[in-house]
Amino acid sequence: MDRERLGTALDTFDPTPGERRVVTRQAIDLHDSGRFEEDTGTELTAEVIVDNLHDAPEDRLADRWNWWIGALTIAYGGYERFQVRAIDR
């Protein structure tokens, strides 16, 4: 996954620089783990992430990310380590 492409794609949610940085970092970690592809049979791309984050009821990027990670945790288990716990402001 290309970090720059992902960061640009996340700009659609008008994040703070800290939100953008931490969500990008967590997304890269999720991608590198291979967990998402193993569980869903779908490659984790910037487009897949943005599509899923658009479904979230929250406004802020970090909240959208945590909502999606929560859904993955319910569906497959074991995604808690990819949640955003703190944001540099």
C-alpha atoms as a PDB file:
ATOM      1  CA  MET A   1       0.000   0.000   0.000  1.00  0.00           C
ATOM      2  CA  ASP A   2       1.298   3.402  -0.942  1.00  0.00           C
ATOM      3  CA  ARG A   3       1.377   5.689   2.120  1.00  0.00           C
ATOM      4  CA  GLU A   4       1.109   8.909   0.071  1.00  0.00           C
ATOM      5  CA  ARG A   5      -1.841   7.645  -1.944  1.00  0.00           C
ATOM      6  CA  LEU A   6      -3.626   6.555   1.218  1.00  0.00           C
ATOM      7  CA  GLY A   7      -2.980   9.876   2.936  1.00  0.00           C
ATOM      8  CA  THR A   8      -4.345  11.769  -0.053  1.00  0.00           C
ATOM      9  CA  ALA A   9      -7.413   9.505  -0.180  1.00  0.00           C
ATOM     10  CA  LEU A  10      -8.083  10.122   3.523  1.00  0.00           C
ATOM     11  CA  ASP A  11      -8.130  13.879   2.916  1.00  0.00           C
ATOM     12  CA  THR A  12     -11.724  13.436   1.740  1.00  0.00           C
ATOM     13  CA  PHE A  13     -12.656  13.316   5.449  1.00  0.00           C
ATOM     14  CA  ASP A  14     -10.949  16.658   6.210  1.00  0.00           C
ATOM     15  CA  PRO A  15      -8.763  15.245   8.990  1.00  0.00           C
ATOM     16  CA  THR A  16      -6.395  17.091  11.252  1.00  0.00           C
ATOM     17  CA  PRO A  17      -2.744  16.361  10.438  1.00  0.00           C
ATOM     18  CA  GLY A  18      -2.546  14.182  13.554  1.00  0.00           C
ATOM     19  CA  GLU A  19      -5.613  12.157  12.577  1.00  0.00           C
ATOM     20  CA  ARG A  20      -4.331  11.664   9.071  1.00  0.00           C
ATOM     21  CA  ARG A  21      -0.931  10.533  10.350  1.00  0.00           C
ATOM     22  CA  VAL A  22      -2.216   8.062  12.947  1.00  0.00           C
ATOM     23  CA  VAL A  23      -4.936   6.544  10.748  1.00  0.00           C
ATOM     24  CA  THR A  24      -2.438   6.147   7.912  1.00  0.00           C
ATOM     25  CA  ARG A  25      -0.014   4.441  10.287  1.00  0.00           C
ATOM     26  CA  GLN A  26      -2.685   2.060  11.571  1.00  0.00           C
ATOM     27  CA  ALA A  27      -3.876   1.301   8.031  1.00  0.00           C
ATOM     28  CA  ILE A  28      -0.339   0.487   6.909  1.00  0.00           C
ATOM     29  CA  ASP A  29       0.095  -1.774   9.942  1.00  0.00           C
ATOM     30  CA  LEU A  30      -3.195  -3.510   9.130  1.00  0.00           C
ATOM     31  CA  HIS A  31      -2.131  -3.968   5.518  1.00  0.00           C
ATOM     32  CA  ASP A  32       1.299  -5.283   6.465  1.00  0.00           C
ATOM     33  CA  SER A  33      -0.237  -7.794   8.886  1.00  0.00           C
ATOM     34  CA  GLY A  34      -2.088  -9.489   6.008  1.00  0.00           C
ATOM     35  CA  ARG A  35      -5.006  -9.990   8.370  1.00  0.00           C
ATOM     36  CA  PHE A  36      -7.664  -8.150   6.347  1.00  0.00           C
ATOM     37  CA  GLU A  37      -6.893 -10.006   3.127  1.00  0.00           C
ATOM     38  CA  GLU A  38      -6.795 -13.328   4.976  1.00  0.00           C
ATOM     39  CA  ASP A  39     -10.175 -12.723   6.621  1.00  0.00           C
ATOM     40  CA  THR A  40     -12.028 -11.113   3.722  1.00  0.00           C
ATOM     41  CA  GLY A  41     -10.283 -12.406   0.617  1.00  0.00           C
ATOM     42  CA  THR A  42      -9.978  -8.773  -0.509  1.00  0.00           C
ATOM     43  CA  GLU A  43      -6.764  -6.810  -0.914  1.00  0.00           C
ATOM     44  CA  LEU A  44      -6.606  -3.851   1.458  1.00  0.00           C
ATOM     45  CA  THR A  45      -6.221  -0.738  -0.683  1.00  0.00           C
ATOM     46  CA  ALA A  46      -6.754   2.960  -0.126  1.00  0.00           C
ATOM     47  CA  GLU A  47     -10.003   2.674  -2.067  1.00  0.00           C
ATOM     48  CA  VAL A  48     -11.282  -0.172   0.110  1.00  0.00           C
ATOM     49  CA  ILE A  49     -10.484   1.823   3.232  1.00  0.00           C
ATOM     50  CA  VAL A  50     -12.174   5.014   2.018  1.00  0.00           C
ATOM     51  CA  ASP A  51     -15.264   3.099   0.833  1.00  0.00           C
ATOM     52  CA  ASN A  52     -15.644   1.492   4.243  1.00  0.00           C
ATOM     53  CA  LEU A  53     -15.013   4.725   6.141  1.00  0.00           C
ATOM     54  CA  HIS A  54     -17.785   6.424   4.148  1.00  0.00           C
ATOM     55  CA  ASP A  55     -20.236   3.979   5.778  1.00  0.00           C
ATOM     56  CA  ALA A  56     -19.369   5.149   9.305  1.00  0.00           C
ATOM     57  CA  PRO A  57     -21.875   7.362  11.117  1.00  0.00           C
ATOM     58  CA  GLU A  58     -19.147   9.452  12.760  1.00  0.00           C
ATOM     59  CA  ASP A  59     -17.678  12.626  11.304  1.00  0.00           C
ATOM     60  CA  ARG A  60     -14.044  12.653  12.388  1.00  0.00           C
ATOM     61  CA  LEU A  61     -11.584  10.436  10.550  1.00  0.00           C
ATOM     62  CA  ALA A  62     -10.281   8.703  13.684  1.00  0.00           C
ATOM     63  CA  ASP A  63     -13.841   7.927  14.811  1.00  0.00           C
ATOM     64  CA  ARG A  64     -14.713   6.557  11.373  1.00  0.00           C
ATOM     65  CA  TRP A  65     -11.596   4.396  11.453  1.00  0.00           C
ATOM     66  CA  ASN A  66     -12.414   3.043  14.919  1.00  0.00           C
ATOM     67  CA  TRP A  67     -15.995   2.332  13.850  1.00  0.00           C
ATOM     68  CA  TRP A  68     -14.736   0.242  10.925  1.00  0.00           C
ATOM     69  CA  ILE A  69     -12.128  -1.530  13.035  1.00  0.00           C
ATOM     70  CA  GLY A  70     -14.890  -2.290  15.544  1.00  0.00           C
ATOM     71  CA  ALA A  71     -16.995  -3.828  12.783  1.00  0.00           C
ATOM     72  CA  LEU A  72     -14.049  -5.975  11.688  1.00  0.00           C
ATOM     73  CA  THR A  73     -13.503  -7.020  15.303  1.00  0.00           C
ATOM     74  CA  ILE A  74     -17.129  -8.118  15.623  1.00  0.00           C
ATOM     75  CA  ALA A  75     -17.027  -9.968  12.299  1.00  0.00           C
ATOM     76  CA  TYR A  76     -13.631 -11.652  12.581  1.00  0.00           C
ATOM     77  CA  GLY A  77     -12.103 -10.881  15.977  1.00  0.00           C
ATOM     78  CA  GLY A  78      -8.606  -9.655  16.716  1.00  0.00           C
ATOM     79  CA  TYR A  79      -8.590  -6.203  15.129  1.00  0.00           C
ATOM     80  CA  GLU A  80      -8.446  -4.238  18.391  1.00  0.00           C
ATOM     81  CA  ARG A  81      -4.725  -3.568  18.035  1.00  0.00           C
ATOM     82  CA  PHE A  82      -5.434  -1.438  14.955  1.00  0.00           C
ATOM     83  CA  GLN A  83      -7.722   1.021  16.779  1.00  0.00           C
ATOM     84  CA  VAL A  84      -6.684   4.633  17.160  1.00  0.00           C
ATOM     85  CA  ARG A  85      -6.114   5.317  20.842  1.00  0.00           C
ATOM     86  CA  ALA A  86      -4.477   8.768  20.752  1.00  0.00           C
ATOM     87  CA  ILE A  87      -4.069  11.513  18.204  1.00  0.00           C
ATOM     88  CA  ASP A  88      -1.259  14.048  18.025  1.00  0.00           C
ATOM     89  CA  ARG A  89      -2.923  17.424  17.843  1.00  0.00           C
END
